Amino acid sequence: MTNWKHYIKNFEAYLKIEKSLSQNSVDAYLHDVQLLLQYLSIENKTVNPDDLKLKDLEHFIAHLHDLGLSDRSQARIISGLKAFYKYLITDDYIKEDPTTLLEGPKLSKKLPDTLSFEEIEKLIGALDLSKDENVRNKAMLETLYSSGLRVTELINLQISHIYKEVEFVRVIGKGNKERLVPIGSEALKHINIYLEHVRKKLPQYPKFSDVLFLNRNGKPISRVMVFLVIKSLAEKISLNKSISPHTFRHSFATHLIEGGADLRAVQQMLGHSSITTTEIYTHLDQQYLKESLSLHHPRFKKS
């Protein structure tokens, strides 16, 4: 893939000198190309830019979709790739442009189901913490957003699977597969408050003693309840978006990737099976995952 480095370096110079783009714009274009390179590495494809076909790029965009990237984010990345290939054509590095027929997602007029960091803060901030159930709800939503969990993973989260010292949680995902996911200090703080001031006051049943999030009857909270909590908060702040617990997961992935995180790290944290093999991801260093979040996740940056 030596050609890629050469092309990307020249593309950067072209954007800066000929296009006179700001550093932020240049970085955004280069990040789009880097995402494609990361995907090719995941797929074990050693190809040069002129070897890529339309179907390869379509698979790449489908992968971004599977990771939860919003339609608008996918469209912006496609725009970056088109600019890169247009440059390669212009400077006679390649003869055919595989992005010519590459179509982005059909952007509907309705707002995408991804929340900005400000919207997430506004949603969580609308909770009335004088009510015990909202102390629990704040801990739940902070956990959803800081770790990108599925709603089923959230409601099944066990107290014994929270490793506070190293700031990781053990998650039981689809197919009973386990993974370790970093969790931010903000989420841990609110989990501790909930455990100390709310959960211990609830009815205690031995079979639910290790379940983290319980309802007022001391039983595991349901998927429906998590949906209702989020829907009511959206109504409270007049958020004109159709959102669900999965929206937090999508937002987690989108904010990380748009912030510059590596696709492999995001895929590992989401618990997706590898496109070709799981071995690539199971050997990812856990410290690397934490560093990815610290650098690229809004909530971790703040904490």
C-alpha atoms as a PDB file:
ATOM      1  CA  MET A   1       0.000   0.000   0.000  1.00  0.00           C
ATOM      2  CA  THR A   2       2.974   2.286  -0.509  1.00  0.00           C
ATOM      3  CA  ASN A   3       1.174   4.079  -3.327  1.00  0.00           C
ATOM      4  CA  TRP A   4      -1.519   5.208  -0.893  1.00  0.00           C
ATOM      5  CA  LYS A   5       0.978   7.155   1.233  1.00  0.00           C
ATOM      6  CA  HIS A   6       2.331   8.894  -1.838  1.00  0.00           C
ATOM      7  CA  TYR A   7      -1.120   9.743  -3.191  1.00  0.00           C
ATOM      8  CA  ILE A   8      -2.429  10.935   0.169  1.00  0.00           C
ATOM      9  CA  LYS A   9       0.598  13.169   0.737  1.00  0.00           C
ATOM     10  CA  ASN A  10       0.127  14.775  -2.682  1.00  0.00           C
ATOM     11  CA  PHE A  11      -3.644  15.031  -2.126  1.00  0.00           C
ATOM     12  CA  GLU A  12      -2.971  16.920   1.108  1.00  0.00           C
ATOM     13  CA  ALA A  13      -0.660  19.354  -0.687  1.00  0.00           C
ATOM     14  CA  TYR A  14      -3.276  19.824  -3.434  1.00  0.00           C
ATOM     15  CA  LEU A  15      -6.001  20.647  -0.894  1.00  0.00           C
ATOM     16  CA  LYS A  16      -3.797  23.099   0.968  1.00  0.00           C
ATOM     17  CA  ILE A  17      -2.098  24.846  -1.941  1.00  0.00           C
ATOM     18  CA  GLU A  18      -4.401  24.608  -4.944  1.00  0.00           C
ATOM     19  CA  LYS A  19      -7.722  24.509  -3.113  1.00  0.00           C
ATOM     20  CA  SER A  20      -6.609  26.802  -0.251  1.00  0.00           C
ATOM     21  CA  LEU A  21      -8.708  24.835   2.226  1.00  0.00           C
ATOM     22  CA  SER A  22      -8.497  25.339   5.982  1.00  0.00           C
ATOM     23  CA  GLN A  23      -6.594  22.798   8.047  1.00  0.00           C
ATOM     24  CA  ASN A  24      -9.883  21.488   9.489  1.00  0.00           C
ATOM     25  CA  SER A  25     -11.259  20.859   5.986  1.00  0.00           C
ATOM     26  CA  VAL A  26      -8.018  19.212   4.874  1.00  0.00           C
ATOM     27  CA  ASP A  27      -8.040  16.964   7.949  1.00  0.00           C
ATOM     28  CA  ALA A  28     -11.662  15.960   7.232  1.00  0.00           C
ATOM     29  CA  TYR A  29     -10.840  14.912   3.643  1.00  0.00           C
ATOM     30  CA  LEU A  30      -7.759  12.980   4.755  1.00  0.00           C
ATOM     31  CA  HIS A  31      -9.751  11.265   7.494  1.00  0.00           C
ATOM     32  CA  ASP A  32     -12.264  10.014   4.913  1.00  0.00           C
ATOM     33  CA  VAL A  33      -9.457   8.393   2.920  1.00  0.00           C
ATOM     34  CA  GLN A  34      -7.889   6.961   6.103  1.00  0.00           C
ATOM     35  CA  LEU A  35     -11.213   5.334   7.004  1.00  0.00           C
ATOM     36  CA  LEU A  36     -11.203   3.575   3.637  1.00  0.00           C
ATOM     37  CA  LEU A  37      -7.623   2.405   4.247  1.00  0.00           C
ATOM     38  CA  GLN A  38      -8.563   1.068   7.692  1.00  0.00           C
ATOM     39  CA  TYR A  39     -11.473  -0.841   6.159  1.00  0.00           C
ATOM     40  CA  LEU A  40      -9.201  -2.369   3.498  1.00  0.00           C
ATOM     41  CA  SER A  41      -6.797  -3.436   6.235  1.00  0.00           C
ATOM     42  CA  ILE A  42      -9.651  -5.052   8.171  1.00  0.00           C
ATOM     43  CA  GLU A  43     -10.668  -6.877   4.989  1.00  0.00           C
ATOM     44  CA  ASN A  44      -7.054  -7.905   4.351  1.00  0.00           C
ATOM     45  CA  LYS A  45      -7.169  -6.253   0.930  1.00  0.00           C
ATOM     46  CA  THR A  46      -3.765  -5.075  -0.287  1.00  0.00           C
ATOM     47  CA  VAL A  47      -4.746  -2.956  -3.252  1.00  0.00           C
ATOM     48  CA  ASN A  48      -3.785   0.382  -4.742  1.00  0.00           C
ATOM     49  CA  PRO A  49      -6.328   3.146  -5.422  1.00  0.00           C
ATOM     50  CA  ASP A  50      -6.558   2.247  -9.117  1.00  0.00           C
ATOM     51  CA  ASP A  51      -7.349  -1.395  -8.240  1.00  0.00           C
ATOM     52  CA  LEU A  52     -10.477  -0.558  -6.248  1.00  0.00           C
ATOM     53  CA  LYS A  53     -13.816  -1.262  -7.880  1.00  0.00           C
ATOM     54  CA  LEU A  54     -17.226   0.252  -7.288  1.00  0.00           C
ATOM     55  CA  LYS A  55     -18.351  -2.842  -5.343  1.00  0.00           C
ATOM     56  CA  ASP A  56     -15.404  -2.455  -2.926  1.00  0.00           C
ATOM     57  CA  LEU A  57     -16.464   1.096  -2.142  1.00  0.00           C
ATOM     58  CA  GLU A  58     -20.100   0.061  -1.804  1.00  0.00           C
ATOM     59  CA  HIS A  59     -19.076  -2.601   0.723  1.00  0.00           C
ATOM     60  CA  PHE A  60     -17.098   0.037   2.631  1.00  0.00           C
ATOM     61  CA  ILE A  61     -20.121   2.339   2.848  1.00  0.00           C
ATOM     62  CA  ALA A  62     -22.302  -0.605   3.889  1.00  0.00           C
ATOM     63  CA  HIS A  63     -19.806  -1.286   6.675  1.00  0.00           C
ATOM     64  CA  LEU A  64     -20.083   2.300   7.904  1.00  0.00           C
ATOM     65  CA  HIS A  65     -23.858   1.908   7.876  1.00  0.00           C
ATOM     66  CA  ASP A  66     -23.600  -1.294   9.917  1.00  0.00           C
ATOM     67  CA  LEU A  67     -21.451   0.524  12.478  1.00  0.00           C
ATOM     68  CA  GLY A  68     -24.311   2.975  12.981  1.00  0.00           C
ATOM     69  CA  LEU A  69     -23.044   6.009  11.058  1.00  0.00           C
ATOM     70  CA  SER A  70     -25.856   8.363  10.121  1.00  0.00           C
ATOM     71  CA  ASP A  71     -26.871   8.908   6.497  1.00  0.00           C
ATOM     72  CA  ARG A  72     -25.432  12.408   6.561  1.00  0.00           C
ATOM     73  CA  SER A  73     -22.092  11.167   7.861  1.00  0.00           C
ATOM     74  CA  GLN A  74     -21.960   8.480   5.172  1.00  0.00           C
ATOM     75  CA  ALA A  75     -22.767  11.064   2.497  1.00  0.00           C
ATOM     76  CA  ARG A  76     -19.998  13.345   3.747  1.00  0.00           C
ATOM     77  CA  ILE A  77     -17.439  10.519   3.651  1.00  0.00           C
ATOM     78  CA  ILE A  78     -18.504   9.619   0.103  1.00  0.00           C
ATOM     79  CA  SER A  79     -17.987  13.266  -0.840  1.00  0.00           C
ATOM     80  CA  GLY A  80     -14.441  13.069   0.573  1.00  0.00           C
ATOM     81  CA  LEU A  81     -13.671   9.912  -1.411  1.00  0.00           C
ATOM     82  CA  LYS A  82     -15.024  11.469  -4.596  1.00  0.00           C
ATOM     83  CA  ALA A  83     -12.731  14.471  -4.056  1.00  0.00           C
ATOM     84  CA  PHE A  84      -9.743  12.154  -3.568  1.00  0.00           C
ATOM     85  CA  TYR A  85     -10.418  10.202  -6.762  1.00  0.00           C
ATOM     86  CA  LYS A  86     -11.156  13.359  -8.712  1.00  0.00           C
ATOM     87  CA  TYR A  87      -7.702  14.571  -7.711  1.00  0.00           C
ATOM     88  CA  LEU A  88      -6.082  11.266  -8.791  1.00  0.00           C
ATOM     89  CA  ILE A  89      -7.787  11.544 -12.191  1.00  0.00           C
ATOM     90  CA  THR A  90      -6.812  15.192 -12.572  1.00  0.00           C
ATOM     91  CA  ASP A  91      -3.141  14.449 -11.887  1.00  0.00           C
ATOM     92  CA  ASP A  92      -3.184  11.377 -14.174  1.00  0.00           C
ATOM     93  CA  TYR A  93      -2.426   8.903 -11.409  1.00  0.00           C
ATOM     94  CA  ILE A  94      -5.362   6.715 -12.442  1.00  0.00           C
ATOM     95  CA  LYS A  95      -7.470   6.303 -15.593  1.00  0.00           C
ATOM     96  CA  GLU A  96     -10.860   5.333 -14.166  1.00  0.00           C
ATOM     97  CA  ASP A  97     -12.757   6.777 -11.231  1.00  0.00           C
ATOM     98  CA  PRO A  98     -14.587   4.041  -9.235  1.00  0.00           C
ATOM     99  CA  THR A  99     -16.550   6.672  -7.285  1.00  0.00           C
ATOM    100  CA  THR A 100     -18.399   7.956 -10.379  1.00  0.00           C
ATOM    101  CA  LEU A 101     -21.383   5.671  -9.784  1.00  0.00           C
ATOM    102  CA  LEU A 102     -20.985   5.527  -6.012  1.00  0.00           C
ATOM    103  CA  GLU A 103     -24.278   6.673  -4.558  1.00  0.00           C
ATOM    104  CA  GLY A 104     -24.778   7.985  -1.084  1.00  0.00           C
ATOM    105  CA  PRO A 105     -27.727   7.141   1.133  1.00  0.00           C
ATOM    106  CA  LYS A 106     -30.924   8.877   0.148  1.00  0.00           C
ATOM    107  CA  LEU A 107     -31.064  11.797   2.549  1.00  0.00           C
ATOM    108  CA  SER A 108     -34.615  12.240   3.703  1.00  0.00           C
ATOM    109  CA  LYS A 109     -35.957  15.596   4.790  1.00  0.00           C
ATOM    110  CA  LYS A 110     -36.521  14.308   8.302  1.00  0.00           C
ATOM    111  CA  LEU A 111     -33.684  14.737  10.750  1.00  0.00           C
ATOM    112  CA  PRO A 112     -31.286  11.766  11.021  1.00  0.00           C
ATOM    113  CA  ASP A 113     -31.609   9.507  14.016  1.00  0.00           C
ATOM    114  CA  THR A 114     -28.244  10.510  15.414  1.00  0.00           C
ATOM    115  CA  LEU A 115     -27.948  13.001  18.248  1.00  0.00           C
ATOM    116  CA  SER A 116     -25.307  15.660  18.627  1.00  0.00           C
ATOM    117  CA  PHE A 117     -23.323  15.729  21.868  1.00  0.00           C
ATOM    118  CA  GLU A 118     -25.235  18.889  22.837  1.00  0.00           C
ATOM    119  CA  GLU A 119     -28.572  17.128  22.298  1.00  0.00           C
ATOM    120  CA  ILE A 120     -27.472  14.186  24.425  1.00  0.00           C
ATOM    121  CA  GLU A 121     -26.417  16.550  27.200  1.00  0.00           C
ATOM    122  CA  LYS A 122     -29.737  18.366  26.941  1.00  0.00           C
ATOM    123  CA  LEU A 123     -31.687  15.094  27.111  1.00  0.00           C
ATOM    124  CA  ILE A 124     -29.805  13.825  30.151  1.00  0.00           C
ATOM    125  CA  GLY A 125     -29.893  17.267  31.745  1.00  0.00           C
ATOM    126  CA  ALA A 126     -33.710  17.258  31.586  1.00  0.00           C
ATOM    127  CA  LEU A 127     -33.904  14.540  34.248  1.00  0.00           C
ATOM    128  CA  ASP A 128     -35.323  15.646  37.598  1.00  0.00           C
ATOM    129  CA  LEU A 129     -32.764  14.106  39.945  1.00  0.00           C
ATOM    130  CA  SER A 130     -34.940  14.655  43.006  1.00  0.00           C
ATOM    131  CA  LYS A 131     -36.763  11.504  41.872  1.00  0.00           C
ATOM    132  CA  ASP A 132     -35.084   8.169  42.561  1.00  0.00           C
ATOM    133  CA  GLU A 133     -36.001   6.680  39.193  1.00  0.00           C
ATOM    134  CA  ASN A 134     -34.247   9.552  37.435  1.00  0.00           C
ATOM    135  CA  VAL A 135     -31.057   8.964  39.408  1.00  0.00           C
ATOM    136  CA  ARG A 136     -31.195   5.466  37.902  1.00  0.00           C
ATOM    137  CA  ASN A 137     -32.122   6.844  34.470  1.00  0.00           C
ATOM    138  CA  LYS A 138     -29.162   9.211  34.438  1.00  0.00           C
ATOM    139  CA  ALA A 139     -26.808   6.329  35.218  1.00  0.00           C
ATOM    140  CA  MET A 140     -28.461   4.269  32.447  1.00  0.00           C
ATOM    141  CA  LEU A 141     -28.210   6.950  29.769  1.00  0.00           C
ATOM    142  CA  GLU A 142     -24.637   7.882  30.666  1.00  0.00           C
ATOM    143  CA  THR A 143     -23.746   4.182  30.387  1.00  0.00           C
ATOM    144  CA  LEU A 144     -25.539   3.829  27.034  1.00  0.00           C
ATOM    145  CA  TYR A 145     -23.720   6.796  25.549  1.00  0.00           C
ATOM    146  CA  SER A 146     -20.260   6.215  27.043  1.00  0.00           C
ATOM    147  CA  SER A 147     -20.085   2.533  26.080  1.00  0.00           C
ATOM    148  CA  GLY A 148     -22.350   2.198  23.015  1.00  0.00           C
ATOM    149  CA  LEU A 149     -24.327  -0.702  24.479  1.00  0.00           C
ATOM    150  CA  ARG A 150     -27.360  -2.339  22.922  1.00  0.00           C
ATOM    151  CA  VAL A 151     -30.480  -1.941  25.054  1.00  0.00           C
ATOM    152  CA  THR A 152     -30.485  -5.685  25.873  1.00  0.00           C
ATOM    153  CA  GLU A 153     -26.868  -5.444  27.005  1.00  0.00           C
ATOM    154  CA  LEU A 154     -27.773  -2.484  29.211  1.00  0.00           C
ATOM    155  CA  ILE A 155     -30.687  -4.142  31.000  1.00  0.00           C
ATOM    156  CA  ASN A 156     -28.637  -7.316  31.563  1.00  0.00           C
ATOM    157  CA  LEU A 157     -25.564  -5.485  32.874  1.00  0.00           C
ATOM    158  CA  GLN A 158     -24.296  -7.011  36.108  1.00  0.00           C
ATOM    159  CA  ILE A 159     -22.747  -5.199  39.059  1.00  0.00           C
ATOM    160  CA  SER A 160     -19.960  -7.778  39.234  1.00  0.00           C
ATOM    161  CA  HIS A 161     -19.089  -6.999  35.612  1.00  0.00           C
ATOM    162  CA  ILE A 162     -18.216  -3.374  36.368  1.00  0.00           C
ATOM    163  CA  TYR A 163     -14.482  -2.984  36.930  1.00  0.00           C
ATOM    164  CA  LYS A 164     -14.286   0.488  38.442  1.00  0.00           C
ATOM    165  CA  GLU A 165     -10.536   0.497  39.039  1.00  0.00           C
ATOM    166  CA  VAL A 166      -9.720   0.050  35.356  1.00  0.00           C
ATOM    167  CA  GLU A 167     -12.928   1.687  34.033  1.00  0.00           C
ATOM    168  CA  PHE A 168     -14.188  -1.252  31.976  1.00  0.00           C
ATOM    169  CA  VAL A 169     -17.436  -3.198  31.872  1.00  0.00           C
ATOM    170  CA  ARG A 170     -17.871  -6.786  30.774  1.00  0.00           C
ATOM    171  CA  VAL A 171     -20.768  -7.013  28.346  1.00  0.00           C
ATOM    172  CA  ILE A 172     -22.689 -10.112  27.267  1.00  0.00           C
ATOM    173  CA  GLY A 173     -23.617  -9.422  23.643  1.00  0.00           C
ATOM    174  CA  LYS A 174     -25.357 -11.257  20.825  1.00  0.00           C
ATOM    175  CA  GLY A 175     -24.817 -14.996  20.757  1.00  0.00           C
ATOM    176  CA  ASN A 176     -23.668 -14.858  24.397  1.00  0.00           C
ATOM    177  CA  LYS A 177     -20.348 -13.377  23.279  1.00  0.00           C
ATOM    178  CA  GLU A 178     -18.483 -11.428  25.930  1.00  0.00           C
ATOM    179  CA  ARG A 179     -16.447  -8.297  25.372  1.00  0.00           C
ATOM    180  CA  LEU A 180     -14.753  -5.675  27.529  1.00  0.00           C
ATOM    181  CA  VAL A 181     -15.757  -2.085  26.840  1.00  0.00           C
ATOM    182  CA  PRO A 182     -14.323   1.086  28.394  1.00  0.00           C
ATOM    183  CA  ILE A 183     -16.747   3.108  30.507  1.00  0.00           C
ATOM    184  CA  GLY A 184     -16.197   6.751  31.357  1.00  0.00           C
ATOM    185  CA  SER A 185     -15.723   8.222  34.813  1.00  0.00           C
ATOM    186  CA  GLU A 186     -18.928  10.243  34.359  1.00  0.00           C
ATOM    187  CA  ALA A 187     -20.995   7.086  33.853  1.00  0.00           C
ATOM    188  CA  LEU A 188     -19.219   5.336  36.739  1.00  0.00           C
ATOM    189  CA  LYS A 189     -19.886   8.298  39.021  1.00  0.00           C
ATOM    190  CA  HIS A 190     -23.621   8.163  38.357  1.00  0.00           C
ATOM    191  CA  ILE A 191     -23.707   4.366  38.664  1.00  0.00           C
ATOM    192  CA  ASN A 192     -22.130   4.744  42.114  1.00  0.00           C
ATOM    193  CA  ILE A 193     -24.670   7.397  43.133  1.00  0.00           C
ATOM    194  CA  TYR A 194     -27.507   5.133  41.977  1.00  0.00           C
ATOM    195  CA  LEU A 195     -26.080   2.104  43.829  1.00  0.00           C
ATOM    196  CA  GLU A 196     -25.534   4.047  47.049  1.00  0.00           C
ATOM    197  CA  HIS A 197     -28.677   6.159  47.199  1.00  0.00           C
ATOM    198  CA  VAL A 198     -31.365   4.382  45.175  1.00  0.00           C
ATOM    199  CA  ARG A 199     -30.804   0.716  44.428  1.00  0.00           C
ATOM    200  CA  LYS A 200     -30.156  -0.333  48.031  1.00  0.00           C
ATOM    201  CA  LYS A 201     -33.588   1.042  49.014  1.00  0.00           C
ATOM    202  CA  LEU A 202     -35.418  -1.189  46.514  1.00  0.00           C
ATOM    203  CA  PRO A 203     -36.910  -4.602  47.366  1.00  0.00           C
ATOM    204  CA  GLN A 204     -34.067  -7.145  47.273  1.00  0.00           C
ATOM    205  CA  TYR A 205     -34.452 -10.501  45.525  1.00  0.00           C
ATOM    206  CA  PRO A 206     -31.526 -12.969  45.591  1.00  0.00           C
ATOM    207  CA  LYS A 207     -31.919 -13.896  41.903  1.00  0.00           C
ATOM    208  CA  PHE A 208     -31.618 -10.221  40.877  1.00  0.00           C
ATOM    209  CA  SER A 209     -28.883  -9.313  43.352  1.00  0.00           C
ATOM    210  CA  ASP A 210     -26.272  -8.817  40.618  1.00  0.00           C
ATOM    211  CA  VAL A 211     -28.502  -7.035  38.081  1.00  0.00           C
ATOM    212  CA  LEU A 212     -27.524  -3.372  37.960  1.00  0.00           C
ATOM    213  CA  PHE A 213     -30.640  -1.552  36.796  1.00  0.00           C
ATOM    214  CA  LEU A 214     -33.862  -2.428  38.621  1.00  0.00           C
ATOM    215  CA  ASN A 215     -37.399  -1.052  38.548  1.00  0.00           C
ATOM    216  CA  ARG A 216     -39.239   0.186  41.657  1.00  0.00           C
ATOM    217  CA  ASN A 217     -40.311  -3.397  42.426  1.00  0.00           C
ATOM    218  CA  GLY A 218     -36.711  -4.578  42.614  1.00  0.00           C
ATOM    219  CA  LYS A 219     -36.884  -6.470  39.333  1.00  0.00           C
ATOM    220  CA  PRO A 220     -34.782  -5.939  36.163  1.00  0.00           C
ATOM    221  CA  ILE A 221     -35.844  -2.931  34.148  1.00  0.00           C
ATOM    222  CA  SER A 222     -37.475  -3.803  30.809  1.00  0.00           C
ATOM    223  CA  ARG A 223     -36.504  -2.804  27.284  1.00  0.00           C
ATOM    224  CA  VAL A 224     -39.828  -0.977  26.973  1.00  0.00           C
ATOM    225  CA  MET A 225     -39.084   1.110  30.059  1.00  0.00           C
ATOM    226  CA  VAL A 226     -35.761   2.280  28.613  1.00  0.00           C
ATOM    227  CA  PHE A 227     -37.577   3.285  25.404  1.00  0.00           C
ATOM    228  CA  LEU A 228     -40.241   5.166  27.383  1.00  0.00           C
ATOM    229  CA  VAL A 229     -37.651   7.047  29.452  1.00  0.00           C
ATOM    230  CA  ILE A 230     -35.923   8.297  26.304  1.00  0.00           C
ATOM    231  CA  LYS A 231     -39.188   9.137  24.509  1.00  0.00           C
ATOM    232  CA  SER A 232     -40.462  11.165  27.457  1.00  0.00           C
ATOM    233  CA  LEU A 233     -37.193  13.110  27.686  1.00  0.00           C
ATOM    234  CA  ALA A 234     -37.345  13.890  23.961  1.00  0.00           C
ATOM    235  CA  GLU A 235     -40.863  15.250  24.443  1.00  0.00           C
ATOM    236  CA  LYS A 236     -39.789  17.231  27.495  1.00  0.00           C
ATOM    237  CA  ILE A 237     -37.099  19.120  25.584  1.00  0.00           C
ATOM    238  CA  SER A 238     -39.214  19.292  22.381  1.00  0.00           C
ATOM    239  CA  LEU A 239     -36.661  17.272  20.407  1.00  0.00           C
ATOM    240  CA  ASN A 240     -38.090  16.793  16.940  1.00  0.00           C
ATOM    241  CA  LYS A 241     -36.363  13.503  16.245  1.00  0.00           C
ATOM    242  CA  SER A 242     -37.489   9.902  16.330  1.00  0.00           C
ATOM    243  CA  ILE A 243     -35.115   8.411  18.881  1.00  0.00           C
ATOM    244  CA  SER A 244     -34.657   5.194  20.845  1.00  0.00           C
ATOM    245  CA  PRO A 245     -31.936   3.546  22.961  1.00  0.00           C
ATOM    246  CA  HIS A 246     -30.276   2.529  19.686  1.00  0.00           C
ATOM    247  CA  THR A 247     -29.914   6.223  18.836  1.00  0.00           C
ATOM    248  CA  PHE A 248     -27.407   6.498  21.692  1.00  0.00           C
ATOM    249  CA  ARG A 249     -25.462   3.587  20.177  1.00  0.00           C
ATOM    250  CA  HIS A 250     -25.517   5.216  16.733  1.00  0.00           C
ATOM    251  CA  SER A 251     -24.411   8.511  18.265  1.00  0.00           C
ATOM    252  CA  PHE A 252     -21.590   6.750  20.140  1.00  0.00           C
ATOM    253  CA  ALA A 253     -20.244   5.271  16.874  1.00  0.00           C
ATOM    254  CA  THR A 254     -20.777   8.448  14.845  1.00  0.00           C
ATOM    255  CA  HIS A 255     -19.086  10.736  17.368  1.00  0.00           C
ATOM    256  CA  LEU A 256     -16.116   8.397  17.652  1.00  0.00           C
ATOM    257  CA  ILE A 257     -15.585   7.931  13.909  1.00  0.00           C
ATOM    258  CA  GLU A 258     -16.180  11.578  13.077  1.00  0.00           C
ATOM    259  CA  GLY A 259     -13.788  12.463  15.889  1.00  0.00           C
ATOM    260  CA  GLY A 260     -11.057  10.413  14.219  1.00  0.00           C
ATOM    261  CA  ALA A 261     -11.230   7.033  15.981  1.00  0.00           C
ATOM    262  CA  ASP A 262     -10.014   3.874  14.285  1.00  0.00           C
ATOM    263  CA  LEU A 263     -12.679   1.646  12.700  1.00  0.00           C
ATOM    264  CA  ARG A 264     -11.264  -1.439  14.386  1.00  0.00           C
ATOM    265  CA  ALA A 265     -11.551   0.100  17.843  1.00  0.00           C
ATOM    266  CA  VAL A 266     -15.129   1.230  17.208  1.00  0.00           C
ATOM    267  CA  GLN A 267     -16.089  -2.169  15.835  1.00  0.00           C
ATOM    268  CA  GLN A 268     -14.600  -3.931  18.868  1.00  0.00           C
ATOM    269  CA  MET A 269     -16.419  -1.650  21.296  1.00  0.00           C
ATOM    270  CA  LEU A 270     -19.745  -2.114  19.512  1.00  0.00           C
ATOM    271  CA  GLY A 271     -19.332  -5.876  19.659  1.00  0.00           C
ATOM    272  CA  HIS A 272     -19.784  -6.403  15.935  1.00  0.00           C
ATOM    273  CA  SER A 273     -18.489  -9.613  14.489  1.00  0.00           C
ATOM    274  CA  SER A 274     -15.612  -9.083  12.119  1.00  0.00           C
ATOM    275  CA  ILE A 275     -16.424  -8.770   8.447  1.00  0.00           C
ATOM    276  CA  THR A 276     -14.015 -11.571   7.647  1.00  0.00           C
ATOM    277  CA  THR A 277     -12.645 -12.890  10.938  1.00  0.00           C
ATOM    278  CA  THR A 278     -12.978 -12.187  14.636  1.00  0.00           C
ATOM    279  CA  GLU A 279      -9.307 -12.791  15.393  1.00  0.00           C
ATOM    280  CA  ILE A 280      -8.307  -9.296  14.297  1.00  0.00           C
ATOM    281  CA  TYR A 281     -10.412  -7.721  16.998  1.00  0.00           C
ATOM    282  CA  THR A 282     -10.022 -10.116  19.899  1.00  0.00           C
ATOM    283  CA  HIS A 283      -6.347  -9.267  20.106  1.00  0.00           C
ATOM    284  CA  LEU A 284      -6.834  -5.513  20.220  1.00  0.00           C
ATOM    285  CA  ASP A 285      -5.152  -4.052  23.257  1.00  0.00           C
ATOM    286  CA  GLN A 286      -7.688  -2.864  25.852  1.00  0.00           C
ATOM    287  CA  GLN A 287      -5.583   0.201  26.676  1.00  0.00           C
ATOM    288  CA  TYR A 288      -5.838   1.173  23.018  1.00  0.00           C
ATOM    289  CA  LEU A 289      -9.628   1.114  23.263  1.00  0.00           C
ATOM    290  CA  LYS A 290      -9.510   3.386  26.307  1.00  0.00           C
ATOM    291  CA  GLU A 291      -7.152   5.764  24.531  1.00  0.00           C
ATOM    292  CA  SER A 292      -9.462   5.822  21.494  1.00  0.00           C
ATOM    293  CA  LEU A 293     -12.348   6.917  23.695  1.00  0.00           C
ATOM    294  CA  SER A 294     -10.251   9.425  25.623  1.00  0.00           C
ATOM    295  CA  LEU A 295      -9.161  11.080  22.398  1.00  0.00           C
ATOM    296  CA  HIS A 296     -12.339  10.920  20.344  1.00  0.00           C
ATOM    297  CA  HIS A 297     -15.458  10.588  22.536  1.00  0.00           C
ATOM    298  CA  PRO A 298     -17.008  13.893  23.710  1.00  0.00           C
ATOM    299  CA  ARG A 299     -17.990  12.582  27.152  1.00  0.00           C
ATOM    300  CA  PHE A 300     -14.539  11.115  27.820  1.00  0.00           C
ATOM    301  CA  LYS A 301     -12.829  14.327  26.702  1.00  0.00           C
ATOM    302  CA  LYS A 302     -14.920  16.238  29.188  1.00  0.00           C
ATOM    303  CA  SER A 303     -14.298  13.955  32.130  1.00  0.00           C
END
